[in-house]
Amino acid sequence: MQKLLRITSTALALAFLQTSASFAAQELIVKTDQTQLISISGNPGAIVIGNPSIADATVHGNKLFVHGRAYGSTNLIILDENGNQLSALDITVQQGGENNMAVYKAGARFSFVCAPMCEGTLQSGDAADFFGDISKMDSRKSGAATGKSSGETDAPGAAQ
C-alpha cells in the first residue's frame, strides 16, 4: 500500500509540474519598432499586456503580432473565449536594428538610424530637446501625408 501511495504521489507531483510548466511564461525578445509573429493554439478571446507602452499586440485569427514600442520588459497573457489561459509571455523589447546607432554627447543620448545616411529617430531616453525636435518634424510629416496644413492639430472633440 505504501508503494502504491508513493507512486501516486510521484505521479501527482509530475502532473502538477507539467501543468505548471505549460503555464510558465515563455520569453520573447522583440526589437523596438519591429514585430514578431506568434501562432496560438486556439482562438484568443482576450490579450492582456502588462505595459502597452513597451509592447502592443494585434490578433488575426490564431496569429498574434507582438509590436515592440519602447525598450523595457513587460508580460502578455492570452486567454481563450472562456477565460482559460492559452499562453503567457515575458516580453523584452530591445533597441533594435543593425543600422541603429546611439551617440552620447555631454551626458545626453541622440539616436539615429544609418541606412546609409544617418537620420534622427525617436527613442525613449534621448535628450529632451532632440526628442522634441524629431517629434515635431514627424508630426508635420504625418500631417502633410494626411492633408493637414502645418498649423492644424487634432484637438480633443474636434470634428474630423
Protein backbone atom coordinates (compact mmCIF):
# COMPACT_ATOMS: atom_id res chain seq x y z
CA MET A 1 0.00 0.00 0.00
CA GLN A 2 2.85 2.36 0.86
CA LYS A 3 4.47 1.69 -2.54
CA LEU A 4 1.16 2.49 -4.31
CA LEU A 5 0.85 5.70 -2.30
CA ARG A 6 4.43 6.71 -3.21
CA ILE A 7 3.80 6.08 -6.94
CA THR A 8 0.53 8.03 -6.80
CA SER A 9 2.23 10.95 -5.00
CA THR A 10 5.02 10.97 -7.58
CA ALA A 11 2.52 10.85 -10.45
CA LEU A 12 0.54 13.75 -8.94
CA ALA A 13 3.72 15.78 -8.44
CA LEU A 14 4.79 15.18 -12.05
CA ALA A 15 1.32 16.08 -13.33
CA PHE A 16 1.41 19.31 -11.30
CA LEU A 17 4.87 20.19 -12.59
CA GLN A 18 3.80 19.52 -16.18
CA THR A 19 0.66 21.66 -15.75
CA SER A 20 2.66 24.45 -14.09
CA ALA A 21 5.27 24.31 -16.85
CA SER A 22 2.60 24.69 -19.52
CA PHE A 23 1.51 27.96 -17.87
CA ALA A 24 5.05 29.19 -17.25
CA ALA A 25 5.78 32.30 -19.25
CA GLN A 26 7.89 31.89 -22.35
CA GLU A 27 10.42 34.58 -23.16
CA LEU A 28 10.03 36.68 -26.29
CA ILE A 29 12.57 39.26 -27.42
CA VAL A 30 11.35 41.95 -29.81
CA LYS A 31 13.28 44.91 -31.15
CA THR A 32 11.86 48.43 -31.00
CA ASP A 33 9.70 49.31 -33.98
CA GLN A 34 9.67 45.66 -35.08
CA THR A 35 7.00 42.92 -34.96
CA GLN A 36 7.20 39.24 -34.05
CA LEU A 37 4.59 36.74 -35.28
CA ILE A 38 3.33 34.11 -32.85
CA SER A 39 0.93 31.25 -33.63
CA ILE A 40 -1.58 30.46 -30.89
CA SER A 41 -3.08 27.04 -30.27
CA GLY A 42 -6.72 28.07 -30.12
CA ASN A 43 -8.70 31.23 -30.71
CA PRO A 44 -7.84 34.03 -28.31
CA GLY A 45 -10.68 35.75 -26.50
CA ALA A 46 -8.53 38.34 -24.69
CA ILE A 47 -4.96 39.57 -24.81
CA VAL A 48 -3.67 41.37 -21.71
CA ILE A 49 -0.40 43.31 -21.80
CA GLY A 50 1.25 44.50 -18.61
CA ASN A 51 2.62 47.73 -20.07
CA PRO A 52 1.28 48.63 -23.54
CA SER A 53 3.79 51.48 -23.89
CA ILE A 54 6.55 48.83 -24.09
CA ALA A 55 4.78 46.28 -26.30
CA ASP A 56 1.46 46.02 -28.10
CA ALA A 57 -0.32 43.20 -29.89
CA THR A 58 -2.65 42.66 -32.83
CA VAL A 59 -4.71 39.48 -33.22
CA HIS A 60 -5.63 37.96 -36.58
CA GLY A 61 -7.35 34.59 -36.15
CA ASN A 62 -4.93 32.36 -34.26
CA LYS A 63 -1.96 34.60 -35.10
CA LEU A 64 -0.63 37.21 -32.70
CA PHE A 65 1.60 40.05 -33.84
CA VAL A 66 3.66 41.49 -30.96
CA HIS A 67 4.97 45.00 -31.63
CA GLY A 68 7.99 46.45 -29.79
CA ARG A 69 7.12 50.05 -28.82
CA ALA A 70 9.88 51.12 -26.41
CA TYR A 71 12.64 49.17 -24.76
CA GLY A 72 11.94 47.53 -21.44
CA SER A 73 10.23 44.43 -20.08
CA THR A 74 6.57 43.53 -19.69
CA ASN A 75 4.36 40.48 -19.98
CA LEU A 76 1.46 39.28 -22.10
CA ILE A 77 -1.28 36.80 -21.20
CA ILE A 78 -3.53 35.18 -23.80
CA LEU A 79 -6.94 33.87 -22.71
CA ASP A 80 -9.39 31.84 -24.77
CA GLU A 81 -13.03 32.80 -25.26
CA ASN A 82 -13.94 31.07 -21.95
CA GLY A 83 -11.26 32.90 -19.95
CA ASN A 84 -8.85 29.95 -19.82
CA GLN A 85 -5.18 30.79 -20.20
CA LEU A 86 -3.75 29.73 -23.56
CA SER A 87 -0.30 31.22 -23.14
CA ALA A 88 1.85 33.67 -21.20
CA LEU A 89 4.89 35.53 -22.50
CA ASP A 90 7.59 37.56 -20.78
CA ILE A 91 8.49 40.22 -23.34
CA THR A 92 11.76 42.09 -23.52
CA VAL A 93 11.94 44.92 -26.04
CA GLN A 94 15.46 45.89 -27.05
CA GLN A 95 16.63 48.81 -29.10
CA GLY A 96 16.86 47.16 -32.44
CA GLY A 97 18.21 47.12 -35.88
CA GLU A 98 21.75 46.71 -37.07
CA ASN A 99 21.54 50.21 -38.56
CA ASN A 100 20.57 51.88 -35.26
CA MET A 101 23.18 53.97 -33.54
CA ALA A 102 23.27 56.00 -30.33
CA VAL A 103 25.59 58.99 -29.93
CA TYR A 104 26.42 60.20 -26.43
CA LYS A 105 27.48 63.81 -26.05
CA ALA A 106 27.86 65.67 -22.75
CA GLY A 107 25.84 63.00 -20.94
CA ALA A 108 22.92 63.13 -23.40
CA ARG A 109 21.91 60.44 -25.87
CA PHE A 110 20.91 61.02 -29.51
CA SER A 111 19.51 58.09 -31.56
CA PHE A 112 19.95 57.63 -35.28
CA VAL A 113 19.20 55.09 -37.99
CA CYS A 114 22.00 54.95 -40.54
CA ALA A 115 20.98 53.22 -43.78
CA PRO A 116 23.13 54.59 -45.44
CA MET A 117 22.61 58.23 -44.36
CA CYS A 118 22.09 58.85 -40.64
CA GLU A 119 18.68 60.28 -39.68
CA GLY A 120 17.49 61.15 -36.19
CA THR A 121 14.93 58.77 -34.72
CA LEU A 122 12.80 58.74 -31.58
CA GLN A 123 13.91 56.51 -28.71
CA SER A 124 12.92 56.77 -25.07
CA GLY A 125 15.82 58.21 -23.12
CA ASP A 126 17.10 60.58 -25.82
CA ALA A 127 17.95 64.18 -24.98
CA ALA A 128 14.67 66.05 -24.42
CA ASP A 129 15.29 68.84 -26.96
CA PHE A 130 16.47 66.37 -29.62
CA PHE A 131 13.45 64.13 -28.96
CA GLY A 132 11.11 67.14 -29.09
CA ASP A 133 12.56 68.40 -32.38
CA ILE A 134 12.31 64.97 -34.05
CA SER A 135 8.77 64.54 -32.70
CA LYS A 136 7.67 67.90 -34.15
CA MET A 137 9.18 67.05 -37.55
CA ASP A 138 7.46 63.64 -37.54
CA SER A 139 4.12 65.28 -36.67
CA ARG A 140 4.49 67.77 -39.53
CA LYS A 141 5.37 64.96 -41.93
CA SER A 142 2.33 62.92 -40.80
CA GLY A 143 0.13 65.99 -41.13
CA ALA A 144 1.36 66.63 -44.66
CA ALA A 145 0.71 62.98 -45.56
CA THR A 146 -2.88 63.24 -44.30
CA GLY A 147 -3.56 66.57 -45.99
CA LYS A 148 -3.42 68.82 -42.92
CA SER A 149 -1.64 72.16 -43.07
CA SER A 150 1.28 72.74 -40.71
CA GLY A 151 -0.91 74.79 -38.34
CA GLU A 152 -3.71 72.22 -37.97
CA THR A 153 -3.87 69.97 -34.94
CA ASP A 154 -6.28 67.35 -33.72
CA ALA A 155 -7.84 68.99 -30.69
CA PRO A 156 -9.89 66.72 -28.41
CA GLY A 157 -13.51 66.77 -29.52
CA ALA A 158 -12.68 68.49 -32.82
CA ALA A 159 -14.59 67.35 -35.90
CA GLN A 160 -12.55 65.20 -38.21
